[in-house]
N, C-alpha and C. Protein backbone atom coordinates (compact mmCIF):
# COMPACT_ATOMS: atom_id res chain seq x y z
N MET A 1 14.14 -18.84 -3.35
CA MET A 1 15.64 -19.50 -2.97
C MET A 1 16.05 -20.10 -1.52
N ALA A 2 16.99 -20.64 -1.77
CA ALA A 2 16.95 -21.16 -0.55
C ALA A 2 18.29 -20.35 0.58
N HIS A 3 18.12 -20.71 1.73
CA HIS A 3 18.92 -19.98 2.40
C HIS A 3 19.93 -20.80 3.18
N PHE A 4 20.95 -20.81 2.87
CA PHE A 4 22.15 -21.50 3.39
C PHE A 4 22.99 -20.80 4.71
N ILE A 5 23.49 -21.96 5.80
CA ILE A 5 23.91 -21.11 6.42
C ILE A 5 25.36 -22.13 6.82
N LYS A 6 26.50 -21.80 6.88
CA LYS A 6 27.73 -23.09 7.18
C LYS A 6 27.86 -23.08 8.66
N LEU A 7 27.86 -24.26 8.90
CA LEU A 7 27.93 -25.01 10.20
C LEU A 7 29.24 -25.92 10.54
N HIS A 8 29.71 -26.15 11.58
CA HIS A 8 30.95 -27.56 11.39
C HIS A 8 30.08 -28.48 12.48
N THR A 9 30.22 -30.17 11.78
CA THR A 9 29.87 -31.23 12.80
C THR A 9 30.86 -31.13 13.52
N THR A 10 30.61 -31.85 14.65
CA THR A 10 31.38 -31.63 15.99
C THR A 10 32.62 -32.74 15.63
N ASP A 11 33.09 -33.45 14.42
CA ASP A 11 34.49 -33.70 14.29
C ASP A 11 34.82 -32.82 13.11
N GLY A 12 34.44 -31.64 12.80
CA GLY A 12 35.24 -30.45 12.27
C GLY A 12 35.03 -30.04 11.19
N HIS A 13 34.11 -31.04 10.48
CA HIS A 13 33.61 -30.61 8.68
C HIS A 13 32.96 -29.65 8.45
N GLU A 14 33.12 -29.02 7.51
CA GLU A 14 32.18 -27.58 7.44
C GLU A 14 30.99 -28.31 6.37
N MET A 15 29.71 -28.05 7.04
CA MET A 15 28.64 -28.21 6.13
C MET A 15 27.40 -27.31 6.09
N LEU A 16 27.01 -27.08 4.62
CA LEU A 16 25.80 -25.68 4.28
C LEU A 16 24.72 -26.82 4.31
N PHE A 17 23.89 -25.83 5.51
CA PHE A 17 22.41 -26.30 5.94
C PHE A 17 21.56 -25.37 5.13
N ASN A 18 20.69 -25.63 4.73
CA ASN A 18 19.38 -25.33 3.92
C ASN A 18 18.32 -25.01 4.91
N LEU A 19 18.22 -23.91 5.57
CA LEU A 19 17.19 -23.75 6.16
C LEU A 19 15.83 -23.63 5.96
N ASP A 20 15.75 -23.89 4.85
CA ASP A 20 14.01 -24.48 4.13
C ASP A 20 13.55 -25.58 4.82
N VAL A 21 14.83 -26.30 4.63
CA VAL A 21 14.43 -27.81 5.26
C VAL A 21 14.55 -28.34 6.32
N VAL A 22 15.23 -27.32 7.47
CA VAL A 22 15.11 -27.58 8.75
C VAL A 22 14.09 -27.66 9.78
N VAL A 23 13.48 -28.66 10.15
CA VAL A 23 12.58 -29.02 11.02
C VAL A 23 12.76 -28.61 12.41
N SER A 24 13.92 -28.50 12.95
CA SER A 24 13.92 -27.95 14.34
C SER A 24 15.52 -27.86 14.69
N ILE A 25 16.01 -27.08 15.74
CA ILE A 25 17.02 -26.95 16.29
C ILE A 25 17.21 -26.81 17.68
N ASP A 26 18.03 -27.92 18.07
CA ASP A 26 17.84 -28.04 19.56
C ASP A 26 19.32 -27.99 20.12
N PRO A 27 19.43 -27.27 21.34
CA PRO A 27 20.57 -27.46 22.25
C PRO A 27 20.86 -28.41 22.45
N LEU A 28 22.13 -28.80 22.74
CA LEU A 28 22.63 -30.12 23.71
C LEU A 28 23.68 -29.05 24.64
N ALA A 29 24.28 -29.68 25.37
CA ALA A 29 25.36 -29.91 26.32
C ALA A 29 26.94 -29.39 25.54
N ASP A 30 26.67 -29.92 24.86
CA ASP A 30 28.12 -29.50 23.97
C ASP A 30 27.74 -29.47 22.15
N GLY A 31 26.84 -28.27 22.31
CA GLY A 31 26.43 -28.33 20.97
C GLY A 31 25.47 -27.99 20.55
N THR A 32 24.81 -28.37 19.23
CA THR A 32 23.29 -28.07 19.26
C THR A 32 23.28 -29.24 18.06
N MET A 33 21.91 -29.95 17.78
CA MET A 33 21.50 -31.03 17.14
C MET A 33 20.15 -30.26 15.87
N VAL A 34 20.67 -30.50 14.52
CA VAL A 34 19.77 -29.25 13.69
C VAL A 34 19.28 -30.81 12.81
N GLN A 35 17.91 -30.68 13.29
CA GLN A 35 16.78 -31.86 12.60
C GLN A 35 16.75 -31.26 11.60
N THR A 36 16.84 -32.14 10.21
CA THR A 36 15.80 -31.56 8.86
C THR A 36 15.08 -32.78 8.25
N ARG A 37 14.62 -32.89 6.86
CA ARG A 37 13.25 -33.35 6.68
C ARG A 37 14.22 -35.12 6.43
N TRP A 38 15.51 -34.85 6.17
CA TRP A 38 16.44 -36.14 6.12
C TRP A 38 16.97 -36.83 7.18
N GLY A 39 16.60 -36.20 8.05
CA GLY A 39 17.64 -36.85 9.71
C GLY A 39 18.25 -35.62 10.32
N GLY A 40 18.74 -35.85 11.09
CA GLY A 40 19.58 -35.20 12.39
C GLY A 40 21.17 -35.04 12.17
N THR A 41 21.94 -33.61 12.13
CA THR A 41 23.41 -33.60 12.21
C THR A 41 23.46 -33.09 13.63
N LYS A 42 24.73 -33.17 14.30
CA LYS A 42 24.85 -32.56 15.79
C LYS A 42 26.25 -31.60 15.28
N VAL A 43 26.08 -30.46 15.54
CA VAL A 43 27.15 -29.13 15.53
C VAL A 43 27.57 -28.40 16.28
N LYS A 44 28.72 -27.81 16.30
CA LYS A 44 29.52 -27.56 17.31
C LYS A 44 28.77 -25.98 17.39
N GLU A 45 28.36 -25.69 16.54
CA GLU A 45 27.85 -24.03 16.77
C GLU A 45 26.75 -23.76 18.43
N ASP A 46 26.46 -23.06 18.90
CA ASP A 46 25.13 -23.07 19.43
C ASP A 46 24.13 -21.89 19.12
N ILE A 47 23.11 -22.69 19.95
CA ILE A 47 21.80 -21.89 19.41
C ILE A 47 21.22 -20.37 18.96
N ASP A 48 22.10 -19.53 20.12
CA ASP A 48 22.39 -18.42 19.59
C ASP A 48 23.31 -18.05 18.57
N LYS A 49 24.58 -18.80 18.28
CA LYS A 49 25.02 -18.68 17.02
C LYS A 49 24.39 -18.79 15.44
N ILE A 50 23.30 -19.73 15.47
CA ILE A 50 22.99 -20.40 14.68
C ILE A 50 21.85 -19.25 14.31
N LEU A 51 21.25 -18.78 15.14
CA LEU A 51 20.24 -17.91 14.83
C LEU A 51 20.84 -16.72 14.23
N SER A 52 21.89 -15.83 14.69
CA SER A 52 22.56 -14.91 13.87
C SER A 52 23.05 -15.40 12.83
N LEU A 53 23.56 -16.76 12.45
CA LEU A 53 23.91 -16.99 11.38
C LEU A 53 22.51 -16.87 10.36
N SER A 54 21.23 -17.20 10.97
CA SER A 54 20.17 -17.35 9.96
C SER A 54 19.76 -15.52 9.81
N SER A 55 19.85 -14.89 10.35
CA SER A 55 19.65 -13.39 10.22
C SER A 55 20.54 -12.35 9.20
N PRO A 56 19.66 -12.20 7.92
CA PRO A 56 20.41 -11.49 6.84
C PRO A 56 20.82 -10.31 7.24
N THR A 57 22.30 -9.88 6.90
CA THR A 57 22.61 -8.78 7.67
C THR A 57 22.37 -7.64 6.55
N VAL A 58 22.43 -7.70 5.00
CA VAL A 58 22.42 -7.16 4.02
C VAL A 58 20.96 -7.94 3.23
N THR A 59 20.57 -6.95 2.32
CA THR A 59 19.93 -7.21 1.95
C THR A 59 20.14 -7.01 -0.13
N ALA A 60 20.41 -8.32 -0.41
CA ALA A 60 20.78 -8.46 -1.77
C ALA A 60 19.39 -8.87 -2.63
N THR A 61 19.43 -8.06 -4.06
CA THR A 61 18.50 -8.63 -5.09
C THR A 61 19.19 -8.99 -6.37
N GLY A 62 18.80 -9.33 -7.49
CA GLY A 62 19.45 -10.14 -8.62
C GLY A 62 20.12 -10.55 -8.66
N HIS A 63 21.69 -10.52 -9.15
CA HIS A 63 22.50 -11.48 -9.18
C HIS A 63 23.53 -10.95 -8.26
N GLN A 64 23.61 -10.21 -7.20
CA GLN A 64 24.30 -9.74 -6.26
C GLN A 64 25.06 -10.96 -5.62
N LEU A 65 26.10 -10.94 -4.98
CA LEU A 65 26.81 -12.13 -4.37
C LEU A 65 27.00 -11.83 -3.15
N LEU A 66 26.68 -12.42 -1.83
CA LEU A 66 27.05 -12.35 -0.65
C LEU A 66 28.02 -12.92 0.09
N THR A 67 29.01 -12.26 0.62
CA THR A 67 29.97 -12.95 1.15
C THR A 67 29.88 -13.11 2.67
N GLU A 68 30.72 -13.97 3.31
CA GLU A 68 30.71 -14.10 4.59
C GLU A 68 32.12 -13.75 5.12
N THR A 69 32.45 -13.02 6.44
CA THR A 69 33.33 -13.17 6.94
C THR A 69 33.38 -13.74 8.54
N ASP A 70 34.17 -14.44 8.91
CA ASP A 70 34.48 -15.08 10.16
C ASP A 70 34.92 -14.18 10.73
N SER A 71 34.01 -13.71 11.90
CA SER A 71 34.92 -12.66 13.08
C SER A 71 35.45 -12.90 14.16
N SER A 72 35.33 -14.54 14.73
CA SER A 72 35.76 -15.32 15.50
C SER A 72 37.60 -15.54 15.82
């Protein structure tokens, strides 16, 4: 099953990234470069935020729906 996280591009658009196709995540001075199999995208979130988003906080099975609340 795909593992998606929501990130924001440098121009403010929301994007879903499938972590199964991410090749590398590199810190930049003003954000982070997420490199996938098909290219790279610069995002606003720092590497620590991306790491925390990638770690599941709950375990779901079957047809459970996970929702995320923004605590920032």
